[in-house]
N, C-alpha and C. Protein backbone atom coordinates (compact mmCIF):
# COMPACT_ATOMS: atom_id res chain seq x y z
N MET A 1 30.45 97.39 -76.90
CA MET A 1 31.72 96.73 -77.23
C MET A 1 31.60 95.35 -76.84
N ASP A 2 32.32 94.49 -77.55
CA ASP A 2 32.36 93.09 -77.26
C ASP A 2 33.65 92.74 -76.45
N PHE A 3 33.42 92.55 -75.22
CA PHE A 3 34.54 92.13 -74.40
C PHE A 3 34.51 90.70 -74.10
N ASP A 4 34.60 89.91 -75.17
CA ASP A 4 34.54 88.54 -75.17
C ASP A 4 35.90 87.97 -74.93
N TYR A 5 36.12 87.61 -73.69
CA TYR A 5 37.48 87.07 -73.29
C TYR A 5 37.49 85.53 -73.58
N THR A 6 38.03 85.21 -74.75
CA THR A 6 38.00 83.77 -75.09
C THR A 6 39.40 83.25 -74.96
N ASP A 7 39.64 82.10 -75.71
CA ASP A 7 41.01 81.55 -75.66
C ASP A 7 41.80 82.09 -76.76
N HIS A 8 41.47 83.22 -77.31
CA HIS A 8 42.13 83.79 -78.42
C HIS A 8 42.72 85.25 -78.00
N GLU A 9 43.79 85.63 -78.71
CA GLU A 9 44.27 87.04 -78.43
C GLU A 9 44.25 87.66 -79.83
N TYR A 10 44.21 88.98 -79.92
CA TYR A 10 44.08 89.72 -81.20
C TYR A 10 45.13 90.81 -81.21
N LEU A 11 45.76 90.88 -82.36
CA LEU A 11 46.89 91.95 -82.53
C LEU A 11 46.53 92.79 -83.69
N PRO A 12 46.28 94.06 -83.43
CA PRO A 12 46.05 95.01 -84.53
C PRO A 12 47.48 95.36 -85.12
N HIS A 13 47.56 95.12 -86.44
CA HIS A 13 48.87 95.22 -87.28
C HIS A 13 48.76 96.12 -88.45
N CYS A 14 49.61 97.06 -88.53
CA CYS A 14 49.66 98.02 -89.66
C CYS A 14 50.40 97.28 -90.83
N THR A 15 49.70 97.23 -91.97
CA THR A 15 50.27 96.60 -93.10
C THR A 15 51.10 97.53 -94.11
N ASP A 16 51.22 98.82 -93.63
CA ASP A 16 51.93 99.81 -94.32
C ASP A 16 53.34 100.05 -93.78
N GLY A 17 53.85 99.23 -92.93
CA GLY A 17 55.24 99.29 -92.45
C GLY A 17 55.38 99.61 -90.87
N CYS A 18 54.39 99.93 -90.21
CA CYS A 18 54.57 100.35 -88.74
C CYS A 18 54.71 99.08 -87.95
N GLY A 19 54.08 97.88 -88.31
CA GLY A 19 54.07 96.70 -87.55
C GLY A 19 53.01 96.66 -86.54
N ALA A 20 53.23 96.09 -85.44
CA ALA A 20 52.10 95.97 -84.46
C ALA A 20 51.76 97.33 -83.88
N ILE A 21 50.53 97.62 -83.79
CA ILE A 21 50.02 98.89 -83.30
C ILE A 21 49.98 98.87 -81.66
N THR A 22 49.60 97.81 -81.12
CA THR A 22 49.66 97.62 -79.74
C THR A 22 50.16 96.18 -79.42
N GLY A 23 50.10 95.77 -78.17
CA GLY A 23 50.41 94.40 -77.91
C GLY A 23 49.15 93.52 -78.13
N TRP A 24 49.21 92.28 -77.79
CA TRP A 24 48.15 91.31 -77.97
C TRP A 24 47.04 91.69 -77.03
N LEU A 25 45.81 91.73 -77.49
CA LEU A 25 44.64 92.17 -76.73
C LEU A 25 43.62 91.04 -76.57
N PRO A 26 42.85 91.03 -75.48
CA PRO A 26 42.00 89.98 -75.22
C PRO A 26 40.63 90.01 -75.95
N SER A 27 40.40 91.13 -76.67
CA SER A 27 39.09 91.33 -77.35
C SER A 27 39.31 91.73 -78.82
N ARG A 28 38.51 91.15 -79.73
CA ARG A 28 38.63 91.51 -81.12
C ARG A 28 38.11 92.96 -81.37
N GLU A 29 37.15 93.32 -80.65
CA GLU A 29 36.62 94.65 -80.77
C GLU A 29 37.49 95.73 -80.40
N VAL A 30 38.29 95.53 -79.26
CA VAL A 30 39.30 96.50 -78.84
C VAL A 30 40.38 96.59 -79.82
N ALA A 31 40.83 95.44 -80.39
CA ALA A 31 41.88 95.46 -81.50
C ALA A 31 41.37 96.25 -82.62
N LYS A 32 40.12 96.07 -83.10
CA LYS A 32 39.58 96.83 -84.23
C LYS A 32 39.52 98.38 -83.89
N GLU A 33 39.17 98.72 -82.67
CA GLU A 33 39.24 100.11 -82.33
C GLU A 33 40.66 100.66 -82.51
N ALA A 34 41.67 99.92 -82.01
CA ALA A 34 42.99 100.43 -82.14
C ALA A 34 43.39 100.57 -83.62
N GLY A 35 43.04 99.63 -84.48
CA GLY A 35 43.40 99.65 -85.84
C GLY A 35 42.70 100.87 -86.54
N MET A 36 41.41 101.05 -86.19
CA MET A 36 40.69 102.20 -86.79
C MET A 36 41.30 103.50 -86.37
N ASN A 37 41.69 103.63 -85.08
CA ASN A 37 42.31 104.86 -84.61
C ASN A 37 43.64 105.14 -85.33
N HIS A 38 44.39 104.09 -85.56
CA HIS A 38 45.68 104.12 -86.30
C HIS A 38 45.41 104.65 -87.74
N ALA A 39 44.39 104.09 -88.40
CA ALA A 39 44.13 104.40 -89.77
C ALA A 39 43.65 105.86 -89.83
N LYS A 40 42.93 106.30 -88.85
CA LYS A 40 42.37 107.71 -88.85
C LYS A 40 43.56 108.67 -88.74
N SER A 41 44.45 108.32 -87.82
CA SER A 41 45.60 109.30 -87.48
C SER A 41 46.71 109.18 -88.56
N LYS A 42 46.91 108.13 -89.06
CA LYS A 42 48.17 107.93 -90.01
C LYS A 42 47.73 107.67 -91.47
N GLY A 43 46.48 107.35 -91.68
CA GLY A 43 46.01 107.01 -93.09
C GLY A 43 46.55 105.66 -93.58
N HIS A 44 46.95 104.75 -92.60
CA HIS A 44 47.53 103.47 -93.03
C HIS A 44 46.42 102.36 -93.00
N HIS A 45 46.71 101.27 -93.80
CA HIS A 45 45.95 100.11 -93.76
C HIS A 45 46.28 99.22 -92.63
N TRP A 46 45.36 98.46 -92.16
CA TRP A 46 45.66 97.52 -90.99
C TRP A 46 44.86 96.26 -91.05
N MET A 47 45.23 95.39 -90.21
CA MET A 47 44.55 94.03 -90.12
C MET A 47 44.56 93.57 -88.70
N VAL A 48 43.72 92.72 -88.34
CA VAL A 48 43.81 92.08 -87.00
C VAL A 48 44.32 90.69 -87.08
N ARG A 49 45.33 90.30 -86.38
CA ARG A 49 45.96 88.93 -86.36
C ARG A 49 45.25 88.31 -85.14
N GLU A 50 45.10 86.95 -85.25
CA GLU A 50 44.41 86.19 -84.22
C GLU A 50 45.38 85.00 -83.86
N ARG A 51 45.48 84.73 -82.59
CA ARG A 51 46.18 83.57 -82.16
C ARG A 51 45.55 82.90 -80.87
N MET A 52 45.85 81.60 -80.65
CA MET A 52 45.38 80.99 -79.45
C MET A 52 46.27 81.34 -78.35
N LYS A 53 45.73 81.48 -77.16
CA LYS A 53 46.49 81.81 -75.95
C LYS A 53 47.41 80.64 -75.52
């Protein structure tokens, strides 16, 4: 896994109405894992939002 702690934060977000899956995370790979787990359990689509800290 990529634990690249940069000056960005990542938010896995459900696009089917659930909203944010978790809070802001320090790694894009961890955010992708959360999104994939949500898709597997709920069957929803998701995306990762990115922002500067």
